[in-house]
Amino acid sequence: MRMLIATLLLAATTGAAGAYCVSVPDDQSSAYVRNGLNKTICLNDELAETTATKNWQVEINTAIGQLDRRFVTDKLDTIKPVLPDPLKPSWP
């Protein structure tokens, strides 16, 4: 079940990049810098989107790891024998 959820979340987050940085020809009126500036901004937005996606994936993986640890701990607690305290006397 957990693997199915993780697979679905991974499939939902991976895909084509939202930003596609197109290079357009510059002219002398923009001093030949407009294309470089637009491409830099586009690449920065794409990097920010990729970073946010990876951070979200790390949070999901962390949550799944915590659920796994909690599940194992609960299972181990149910099978752990209860031993009497040797320092506490058994008589009243």
PDB file of N, CA and C in Angstrom:
ATOM      1  N   MET A   1       0.821  -1.189   0.000  1.00  0.00           N
ATOM      2  CA  MET A   1       0.000   0.000   0.000  1.00  0.00           C
ATOM      3  C   MET A   1       0.865   1.253   0.000  1.00  0.00           C
ATOM      4  N   ARG A   2       1.884   1.257   0.877  1.00  0.00           N
ATOM      5  CA  ARG A   2       2.762   2.427   0.948  1.00  0.00           C
ATOM      6  C   ARG A   2       3.565   2.600  -0.330  1.00  0.00           C
ATOM      7  N   MET A   3       3.992   1.483  -0.914  1.00  0.00           N
ATOM      8  CA  MET A   3       4.747   1.562  -2.155  1.00  0.00           C
ATOM      9  C   MET A   3       3.868   2.099  -3.284  1.00  0.00           C
ATOM     10  N   LEU A   4       2.605   1.730  -3.284  1.00  0.00           N
ATOM     11  CA  LEU A   4       1.682   2.224  -4.294  1.00  0.00           C
ATOM     12  C   LEU A   4       1.500   3.730  -4.164  1.00  0.00           C
ATOM     13  N   ILE A   5       1.337   4.208  -2.938  1.00  0.00           N
ATOM     14  CA  ILE A   5       1.180   5.640  -2.700  1.00  0.00           C
ATOM     15  C   ILE A   5       2.443   6.377  -3.120  1.00  0.00           C
ATOM     16  N   ALA A   6       3.602   5.848  -2.740  1.00  0.00           N
ATOM     17  CA  ALA A   6       4.862   6.497  -3.102  1.00  0.00           C
ATOM     18  C   ALA A   6       5.048   6.528  -4.617  1.00  0.00           C
ATOM     19  N   THR A   7       4.680   5.443  -5.288  1.00  0.00           N
ATOM     20  CA  THR A   7       4.814   5.392  -6.744  1.00  0.00           C
ATOM     21  C   THR A   7       3.884   6.397  -7.410  1.00  0.00           C
ATOM     22  N   LEU A   8       2.660   6.496  -6.924  1.00  0.00           N
ATOM     23  CA  LEU A   8       1.722   7.457  -7.493  1.00  0.00           C
ATOM     24  C   LEU A   8       2.183   8.892  -7.270  1.00  0.00           C
ATOM     25  N   LEU A   9       2.708   9.183  -6.089  1.00  0.00           N
ATOM     26  CA  LEU A   9       3.203  10.526  -5.822  1.00  0.00           C
ATOM     27  C   LEU A   9       4.409  10.855  -6.686  1.00  0.00           C
ATOM     28  N   LEU A  10       5.282   9.890  -6.873  1.00  0.00           N
ATOM     29  CA  LEU A  10       6.452  10.107  -7.712  1.00  0.00           C
ATOM     30  C   LEU A  10       6.041  10.335  -9.151  1.00  0.00           C
ATOM     31  N   ALA A  11       5.072   9.571  -9.640  1.00  0.00           N
ATOM     32  CA  ALA A  11       4.593   9.736 -11.013  1.00  0.00           C
ATOM     33  C   ALA A  11       3.914  11.089 -11.200  1.00  0.00           C
ATOM     34  N   ALA A  12       3.245  11.567 -10.170  1.00  0.00           N
ATOM     35  CA  ALA A  12       2.556  12.849 -10.273  1.00  0.00           C
ATOM     36  C   ALA A  12       3.528  14.020 -10.276  1.00  0.00           C
ATOM     37  N   THR A  13       4.672  13.855  -9.621  1.00  0.00           N
ATOM     38  CA  THR A  13       5.609  14.972  -9.525  1.00  0.00           C
ATOM     39  C   THR A  13       6.600  15.015 -10.665  1.00  0.00           C
ATOM     40  N   THR A  14       6.849  13.893 -11.333  1.00  0.00           N
ATOM     41  CA  THR A  14       7.789  13.903 -12.438  1.00  0.00           C
ATOM     42  C   THR A  14       7.038  14.137 -13.724  1.00  0.00           C
ATOM     43  N   GLY A  15       7.625  14.891 -14.574  1.00  0.00           N
ATOM     44  CA  GLY A  15       6.993  15.184 -15.846  1.00  0.00           C
ATOM     45  C   GLY A  15       7.803  16.235 -16.560  1.00  0.00           C
ATOM     46  N   ALA A  16       7.253  16.738 -17.619  1.00  0.00           N
ATOM     47  CA  ALA A  16       7.956  17.761 -18.380  1.00  0.00           C
ATOM     48  C   ALA A  16       8.105  19.022 -17.545  1.00  0.00           C
ATOM     49  N   ALA A  17       9.190  19.686 -17.747  1.00  0.00           N
ATOM     50  CA  ALA A  17       9.440  20.924 -17.002  1.00  0.00           C
ATOM     51  C   ALA A  17       8.389  21.959 -17.389  1.00  0.00           C
ATOM     52  N   GLY A  18       7.963  22.728 -16.401  1.00  0.00           N
ATOM     53  CA  GLY A  18       6.945  23.727 -16.657  1.00  0.00           C
ATOM     54  C   GLY A  18       7.450  24.887 -17.497  1.00  0.00           C
ATOM     55  N   ALA A  19       8.708  25.186 -17.370  1.00  0.00           N
ATOM     56  CA  ALA A  19       9.267  26.307 -18.110  1.00  0.00           C
ATOM     57  C   ALA A  19      10.157  25.780 -19.232  1.00  0.00           C
ATOM     58  N   TYR A  20       9.945  26.309 -20.418  1.00  0.00           N
ATOM     59  CA  TYR A  20      10.800  25.964 -21.536  1.00  0.00           C
ATOM     60  C   TYR A  20      11.419  27.266 -22.017  1.00  0.00           C
ATOM     61  N   CYS A  21      12.697  27.372 -21.870  1.00  0.00           N
ATOM     62  CA  CYS A  21      13.395  28.628 -22.134  1.00  0.00           C
ATOM     63  C   CYS A  21      13.713  28.752 -23.620  1.00  0.00           C
ATOM     64  N   VAL A  22      13.010  29.645 -24.285  1.00  0.00           N
ATOM     65  CA  VAL A  22      13.159  29.847 -25.720  1.00  0.00           C
ATOM     66  C   VAL A  22      14.118  31.000 -25.957  1.00  0.00           C
ATOM     67  N   SER A  23      14.989  30.812 -26.915  1.00  0.00           N
ATOM     68  CA  SER A  23      15.929  31.865 -27.279  1.00  0.00           C
ATOM     69  C   SER A  23      15.353  32.647 -28.456  1.00  0.00           C
ATOM     70  N   VAL A  24      15.223  33.936 -28.277  1.00  0.00           N
ATOM     71  CA  VAL A  24      14.733  34.797 -29.356  1.00  0.00           C
ATOM     72  C   VAL A  24      15.859  35.731 -29.772  1.00  0.00           C
ATOM     73  N   PRO A  25      15.897  36.131 -31.031  1.00  0.00           N
ATOM     74  CA  PRO A  25      16.984  37.000 -31.478  1.00  0.00           C
ATOM     75  C   PRO A  25      16.885  38.386 -30.849  1.00  0.00           C
ATOM     76  N   ASP A  26      18.026  38.904 -30.488  1.00  0.00           N
ATOM     77  CA  ASP A  26      18.109  40.265 -29.947  1.00  0.00           C
ATOM     78  C   ASP A  26      18.388  41.242 -31.077  1.00  0.00           C
ATOM     79  N   ASP A  27      18.163  42.489 -30.750  1.00  0.00           N
ATOM     80  CA  ASP A  27      18.513  43.532 -31.713  1.00  0.00           C
ATOM     81  C   ASP A  27      19.264  44.641 -31.003  1.00  0.00           C
ATOM     82  N   GLN A  28      19.639  45.604 -31.768  1.00  0.00           N
ATOM     83  CA  GLN A  28      20.459  46.678 -31.210  1.00  0.00           C
ATOM     84  C   GLN A  28      19.666  47.553 -30.235  1.00  0.00           C
ATOM     85  N   SER A  29      18.344  47.601 -30.371  1.00  0.00           N
ATOM     86  CA  SER A  29      17.549  48.459 -29.490  1.00  0.00           C
ATOM     87  C   SER A  29      17.577  47.972 -28.045  1.00  0.00           C
ATOM     88  N   SER A  30      17.787  46.688 -27.829  1.00  0.00           N
ATOM     89  CA  SER A  30      17.864  46.177 -26.459  1.00  0.00           C
ATOM     90  C   SER A  30      19.300  46.009 -25.992  1.00  0.00           C
ATOM     91  N   ALA A  31      20.214  46.498 -26.782  1.00  0.00           N
ATOM     92  CA  ALA A  31      21.652  46.411 -26.482  1.00  0.00           C
ATOM     93  C   ALA A  31      22.087  44.953 -26.390  1.00  0.00           C
ATOM     94  N   TYR A  32      21.378  44.087 -27.084  1.00  0.00           N
ATOM     95  CA  TYR A  32      21.702  42.656 -27.157  1.00  0.00           C
ATOM     96  C   TYR A  32      21.748  41.968 -25.787  1.00  0.00           C
ATOM     97  N   VAL A  33      20.972  42.452 -24.837  1.00  0.00           N
ATOM     98  CA  VAL A  33      20.960  41.835 -23.507  1.00  0.00           C
ATOM     99  C   VAL A  33      19.599  41.285 -23.115  1.00  0.00           C
ATOM    100  N   ARG A  34      18.543  41.628 -23.830  1.00  0.00           N
ATOM    101  CA  ARG A  34      17.200  41.203 -23.437  1.00  0.00           C
ATOM    102  C   ARG A  34      17.067  39.673 -23.485  1.00  0.00           C
ATOM    103  N   ASN A  35      17.618  39.047 -24.520  1.00  0.00           N
ATOM    104  CA  ASN A  35      17.512  37.599 -24.639  1.00  0.00           C
ATOM    105  C   ASN A  35      18.234  36.913 -23.482  1.00  0.00           C
ATOM    106  N   GLY A  36      19.428  37.376 -23.143  1.00  0.00           N
ATOM    107  CA  GLY A  36      20.180  36.790 -22.031  1.00  0.00           C
ATOM    108  C   GLY A  36      19.453  36.955 -20.711  1.00  0.00           C
ATOM    109  N   LEU A  37      18.858  38.116 -20.507  1.00  0.00           N
ATOM    110  CA  LEU A  37      18.116  38.367 -19.266  1.00  0.00           C
ATOM    111  C   LEU A  37      16.874  37.483 -19.182  1.00  0.00           C
ATOM    112  N   ASN A  38      16.123  37.400 -20.281  1.00  0.00           N
ATOM    113  CA  ASN A  38      14.916  36.556 -20.281  1.00  0.00           C
ATOM    114  C   ASN A  38      15.273  35.088 -20.080  1.00  0.00           C
ATOM    115  N   LYS A  39      16.351  34.637 -20.711  1.00  0.00           N
ATOM    116  CA  LYS A  39      16.744  33.239 -20.559  1.00  0.00           C
ATOM    117  C   LYS A  39      17.218  32.969 -19.133  1.00  0.00           C
ATOM    118  N   THR A  40      17.930  33.916 -18.531  1.00  0.00           N
ATOM    119  CA  THR A  40      18.383  33.759 -17.150  1.00  0.00           C
ATOM    120  C   THR A  40      17.196  33.666 -16.193  1.00  0.00           C
ATOM    121  N   ILE A  41      16.213  34.524 -16.386  1.00  0.00           N
ATOM    122  CA  ILE A  41      15.015  34.495 -15.537  1.00  0.00           C
ATOM    123  C   ILE A  41      14.264  33.178 -15.728  1.00  0.00           C
ATOM    124  N   CYS A  42      14.158  32.732 -16.980  1.00  0.00           N
ATOM    125  CA  CYS A  42      13.461  31.476 -17.263  1.00  0.00           C
ATOM    126  C   CYS A  42      14.182  30.301 -16.611  1.00  0.00           C
ATOM    127  N   LEU A  43      15.507  30.247 -16.739  1.00  0.00           N
ATOM    128  CA  LEU A  43      16.273  29.161 -16.127  1.00  0.00           C
ATOM    129  C   LEU A  43      16.183  29.212 -14.601  1.00  0.00           C
ATOM    130  N   ASN A  44      16.147  30.412 -14.036  1.00  0.00           N
ATOM    131  CA  ASN A  44      16.006  30.554 -12.590  1.00  0.00           C
ATOM    132  C   ASN A  44      14.653  30.032 -12.130  1.00  0.00           C
ATOM    133  N   ASP A  45      13.598  30.338 -12.877  1.00  0.00           N
ATOM    134  CA  ASP A  45      12.268  29.821 -12.530  1.00  0.00           C
ATOM    135  C   ASP A  45      12.222  28.298 -12.630  1.00  0.00           C
ATOM    136  N   GLU A  46      12.864  27.747 -13.661  1.00  0.00           N
ATOM    137  CA  GLU A  46      12.901  26.296 -13.824  1.00  0.00           C
ATOM    138  C   GLU A  46      13.673  25.646 -12.681  1.00  0.00           C
ATOM    139  N   LEU A  47      14.773  26.246 -12.271  1.00  0.00           N
ATOM    140  CA  LEU A  47      15.557  25.731 -11.147  1.00  0.00           C
ATOM    141  C   LEU A  47      14.753  25.791  -9.849  1.00  0.00           C
ATOM    142  N   ALA A  48      14.024  26.885  -9.642  1.00  0.00           N
ATOM    143  CA  ALA A  48      13.204  27.010  -8.436  1.00  0.00           C
ATOM    144  C   ALA A  48      12.104  25.945  -8.418  1.00  0.00           C
ATOM    145  N   GLU A  49      11.504  25.688  -9.572  1.00  0.00           N
ATOM    146  CA  GLU A  49      10.456  24.673  -9.644  1.00  0.00           C
ATOM    147  C   GLU A  49      11.023  23.281  -9.376  1.00  0.00           C
ATOM    148  N   THR A  50      12.182  22.990  -9.945  1.00  0.00           N
ATOM    149  CA  THR A  50      12.824  21.688  -9.737  1.00  0.00           C
ATOM    150  C   THR A  50      13.204  21.511  -8.272  1.00  0.00           C
ATOM    151  N   THR A  51      13.733  22.550  -7.664  1.00  0.00           N
ATOM    152  CA  THR A  51      14.125  22.489  -6.251  1.00  0.00           C
ATOM    153  C   THR A  51      12.911  22.273  -5.359  1.00  0.00           C
ATOM    154  N   ALA A  52      11.835  22.971  -5.648  1.00  0.00           N
ATOM    155  CA  ALA A  52      10.611  22.801  -4.848  1.00  0.00           C
ATOM    156  C   ALA A  52      10.073  21.379  -4.987  1.00  0.00           C
ATOM    157  N   THR A  53      10.126  20.827  -6.177  1.00  0.00           N
ATOM    158  CA  THR A  53       9.655  19.457  -6.394  1.00  0.00           C
ATOM    159  C   THR A  53      10.514  18.469  -5.620  1.00  0.00           C
ATOM    160  N   LYS A  54      11.825  18.646  -5.667  1.00  0.00           N
ATOM    161  CA  LYS A  54      12.723  17.733  -4.946  1.00  0.00           C
ATOM    162  C   LYS A  54      12.528  17.864  -3.432  1.00  0.00           C
ATOM    163  N   ASN A  55      12.325  19.077  -2.933  1.00  0.00           N
ATOM    164  CA  ASN A  55      12.061  19.261  -1.504  1.00  0.00           C
ATOM    165  C   ASN A  55      10.774  18.548  -1.099  1.00  0.00           C
ATOM    166  N   TRP A  56       9.752  18.639  -1.932  1.00  0.00           N
ATOM    167  CA  TRP A  56       8.485  17.973  -1.646  1.00  0.00           C
ATOM    168  C   TRP A  56       8.682  16.466  -1.631  1.00  0.00           C
ATOM    169  N   GLN A  57       9.479  15.938  -2.565  1.00  0.00           N
ATOM    170  CA  GLN A  57       9.742  14.501  -2.598  1.00  0.00           C
ATOM    171  C   GLN A  57      10.494  14.052  -1.347  1.00  0.00           C
ATOM    172  N   VAL A  58      11.420  14.887  -0.859  1.00  0.00           N
ATOM    173  CA  VAL A  58      12.145  14.556   0.370  1.00  0.00           C
ATOM    174  C   VAL A  58      11.184  14.520   1.555  1.00  0.00           C
ATOM    175  N   GLU A  59      10.259  15.467   1.612  1.00  0.00           N
ATOM    176  CA  GLU A  59       9.274  15.472   2.700  1.00  0.00           C
ATOM    177  C   GLU A  59       8.396  14.225   2.653  1.00  0.00           C
ATOM    178  N   ILE A  60       7.989  13.818   1.464  1.00  0.00           N
ATOM    179  CA  ILE A  60       7.166  12.606   1.324  1.00  0.00           C
ATOM    180  C   ILE A  60       7.962  11.383   1.765  1.00  0.00           C
ATOM    181  N   ASN A  61       9.212  11.280   1.328  1.00  0.00           N
ATOM    182  CA  ASN A  61      10.042  10.140   1.715  1.00  0.00           C
ATOM    183  C   ASN A  61      10.292  10.112   3.219  1.00  0.00           C
ATOM    184  N   THR A  62      10.454  11.275   3.823  1.00  0.00           N
ATOM    185  CA  THR A  62      10.635  11.358   5.270  1.00  0.00           C
ATOM    186  C   THR A  62       9.382  10.876   5.998  1.00  0.00           C
ATOM    187  N   ALA A  63       8.220  11.304   5.522  1.00  0.00           N
ATOM    188  CA  ALA A  63       6.962  10.879   6.149  1.00  0.00           C
ATOM    189  C   ALA A  63       6.766   9.368   6.015  1.00  0.00           C
ATOM    190  N   ILE A  64       7.100   8.818   4.855  1.00  0.00           N
ATOM    191  CA  ILE A  64       6.970   7.370   4.660  1.00  0.00           C
ATOM    192  C   ILE A  64       7.940   6.628   5.571  1.00  0.00           C
ATOM    193  N   GLY A  65       9.163   7.144   5.725  1.00  0.00           N
ATOM    194  CA  GLY A  65      10.134   6.524   6.625  1.00  0.00           C
ATOM    195  C   GLY A  65       9.659   6.542   8.071  1.00  0.00           C
ATOM    196  N   GLN A  66       9.055   7.664   8.488  1.00  0.00           N
ATOM    197  CA  GLN A  66       8.528   7.743   9.851  1.00  0.00           C
ATOM    198  C   GLN A  66       7.390   6.752  10.058  1.00  0.00           C
ATOM    199  N   LEU A  67       6.531   6.602   9.053  1.00  0.00           N
ATOM    200  CA  LEU A  67       5.448   5.623   9.158  1.00  0.00           C
ATOM    201  C   LEU A  67       6.005   4.208   9.255  1.00  0.00           C
ATOM    202  N   ASP A  68       7.024   3.912   8.470  1.00  0.00           N
ATOM    203  CA  ASP A  68       7.644   2.583   8.539  1.00  0.00           C
ATOM    204  C   ASP A  68       8.244   2.322   9.913  1.00  0.00           C
ATOM    205  N   ARG A  69       8.972   3.296  10.454  1.00  0.00           N
ATOM    206  CA  ARG A  69       9.574   3.118  11.783  1.00  0.00           C
ATOM    207  C   ARG A  69       8.506   2.949  12.853  1.00  0.00           C
ATOM    208  N   ARG A  70       7.434   3.732  12.764  1.00  0.00           N
ATOM    209  CA  ARG A  70       6.357   3.619  13.740  1.00  0.00           C
ATOM    210  C   ARG A  70       5.685   2.250  13.647  1.00  0.00           C
ATOM    211  N   PHE A  71       5.497   1.767  12.431  1.00  0.00           N
ATOM    212  CA  PHE A  71       4.882   0.454  12.231  1.00  0.00           C
ATOM    213  C   PHE A  71       5.744  -0.647  12.845  1.00  0.00           C
ATOM    214  N   VAL A  72       7.050  -0.598  12.585  1.00  0.00           N
ATOM    215  CA  VAL A  72       7.955  -1.614  13.126  1.00  0.00           C
ATOM    216  C   VAL A  72       8.013  -1.517  14.645  1.00  0.00           C
ATOM    217  N   THR A  73       8.065  -0.315  15.178  1.00  0.00           N
ATOM    218  CA  THR A  73       8.105  -0.130  16.630  1.00  0.00           C
ATOM    219  C   THR A  73       6.844  -0.673  17.284  1.00  0.00           C
ATOM    220  N   ASP A  74       5.693  -0.395  16.690  1.00  0.00           N
ATOM    221  CA  ASP A  74       4.431  -0.922  17.234  1.00  0.00           C
ATOM    222  C   ASP A  74       4.404  -2.442  17.204  1.00  0.00           C
ATOM    223  N   LYS A  75       4.894  -3.026  16.118  1.00  0.00           N
ATOM    224  CA  LYS A  75       4.934  -4.491  16.028  1.00  0.00           C
ATOM    225  C   LYS A  75       5.868  -5.078  17.081  1.00  0.00           C
ATOM    226  N   LEU A  76       7.013  -4.449  17.270  1.00  0.00           N
ATOM    227  CA  LEU A  76       7.958  -4.953  18.267  1.00  0.00           C
ATOM    228  C   LEU A  76       7.425  -4.776  19.682  1.00  0.00           C
ATOM    229  N   ASP A  77       6.696  -3.711  19.925  1.00  0.00           N
ATOM    230  CA  ASP A  77       6.124  -3.497  21.256  1.00  0.00           C
ATOM    231  C   ASP A  77       5.061  -4.538  21.589  1.00  0.00           C
ATOM    232  N   THR A  78       4.366  -5.023  20.577  1.00  0.00           N
ATOM    233  CA  THR A  78       3.326  -6.020  20.853  1.00  0.00           C
ATOM    234  C   THR A  78       3.912  -7.385  21.193  1.00  0.00           C
ATOM    235  N   ILE A  79       5.114  -7.669  20.726  1.00  0.00           N
ATOM    236  CA  ILE A  79       5.697  -8.982  21.004  1.00  0.00           C
ATOM    237  C   ILE A  79       6.725  -8.947  22.129  1.00  0.00           C
ATOM    238  N   LYS A  80       7.003  -7.770  22.685  1.00  0.00           N
ATOM    239  CA  LYS A  80       7.986  -7.650  23.755  1.00  0.00           C
ATOM    240  C   LYS A  80       7.416  -8.226  25.053  1.00  0.00           C
ATOM    241  N   PRO A  81       8.123  -9.161  25.682  1.00  0.00           N
ATOM    242  CA  PRO A  81       7.610  -9.719  26.936  1.00  0.00           C
ATOM    243  C   PRO A  81       7.718  -8.698  28.076  1.00  0.00           C
ATOM    244  N   VAL A  82       6.780  -8.764  28.970  1.00  0.00           N
ATOM    245  CA  VAL A  82       6.775  -7.876  30.134  1.00  0.00           C
ATOM    246  C   VAL A  82       7.463  -8.625  31.275  1.00  0.00           C
ATOM    247  N   LEU A  83       8.605  -8.106  31.691  1.00  0.00           N
ATOM    248  CA  LEU A  83       9.370  -8.725  32.768  1.00  0.00           C
ATOM    249  C   LEU A  83       9.126  -7.964  34.068  1.00  0.00           C
ATOM    250  N   PRO A  84       9.047  -8.659  35.173  1.00  0.00           N
ATOM    251  CA  PRO A  84       8.855  -7.961  36.448  1.00  0.00           C
ATOM    252  C   PRO A  84      10.121  -7.178  36.817  1.00  0.00           C
ATOM    253  N   ASP A  85       9.914  -6.094  37.524  1.00  0.00           N
ATOM    254  CA  ASP A  85      11.031  -5.263  37.973  1.00  0.00           C
ATOM    255  C   ASP A  85      11.725  -5.972  39.133  1.00  0.00           C
ATOM    256  N   PRO A  86      13.021  -6.285  38.999  1.00  0.00           N
ATOM    257  CA  PRO A  86      13.699  -7.018  40.082  1.00  0.00           C
ATOM    258  C   PRO A  86      13.909  -6.180  41.341  1.00  0.00           C
ATOM    259  N   LEU A  87      13.840  -4.876  41.240  1.00  0.00           N
ATOM    260  CA  LEU A  87      14.040  -4.029  42.419  1.00  0.00           C
ATOM    261  C   LEU A  87      12.755  -3.786  43.195  1.00  0.00           C
ATOM    262  N   LYS A  88      11.645  -4.082  42.572  1.00  0.00           N
ATOM    263  CA  LYS A  88      10.353  -3.864  43.237  1.00  0.00           C
ATOM    264  C   LYS A  88       9.878  -5.211  43.793  1.00  0.00           C
ATOM    265  N   PRO A  89       9.597  -5.269  45.094  1.00  0.00           N
ATOM    266  CA  PRO A  89       9.150  -6.529  45.693  1.00  0.00           C
ATOM    267  C   PRO A  89       7.753  -6.896  45.193  1.00  0.00           C
ATOM    268  N   SER A  90       7.507  -8.188  45.121  1.00  0.00           N
ATOM    269  CA  SER A  90       6.213  -8.648  44.625  1.00  0.00           C
ATOM    270  C   SER A  90       5.177  -8.753  45.730  1.00  0.00           C
ATOM    271  N   TRP A  91       5.569  -8.667  46.990  1.00  0.00           N
ATOM    272  CA  TRP A  91       4.595  -8.715  48.077  1.00  0.00           C
ATOM    273  C   TRP A  91       4.138  -7.313  48.442  1.00  0.00           C
ATOM    274  N   PRO A  92       3.026  -7.175  49.041  1.00  0.00           N
ATOM    275  CA  PRO A  92       2.472  -5.846  49.384  1.00  0.00           C
ATOM    276  C   PRO A  92       3.150  -5.149  50.490  1.00  0.00           C
TER     277      PRO A  92
END
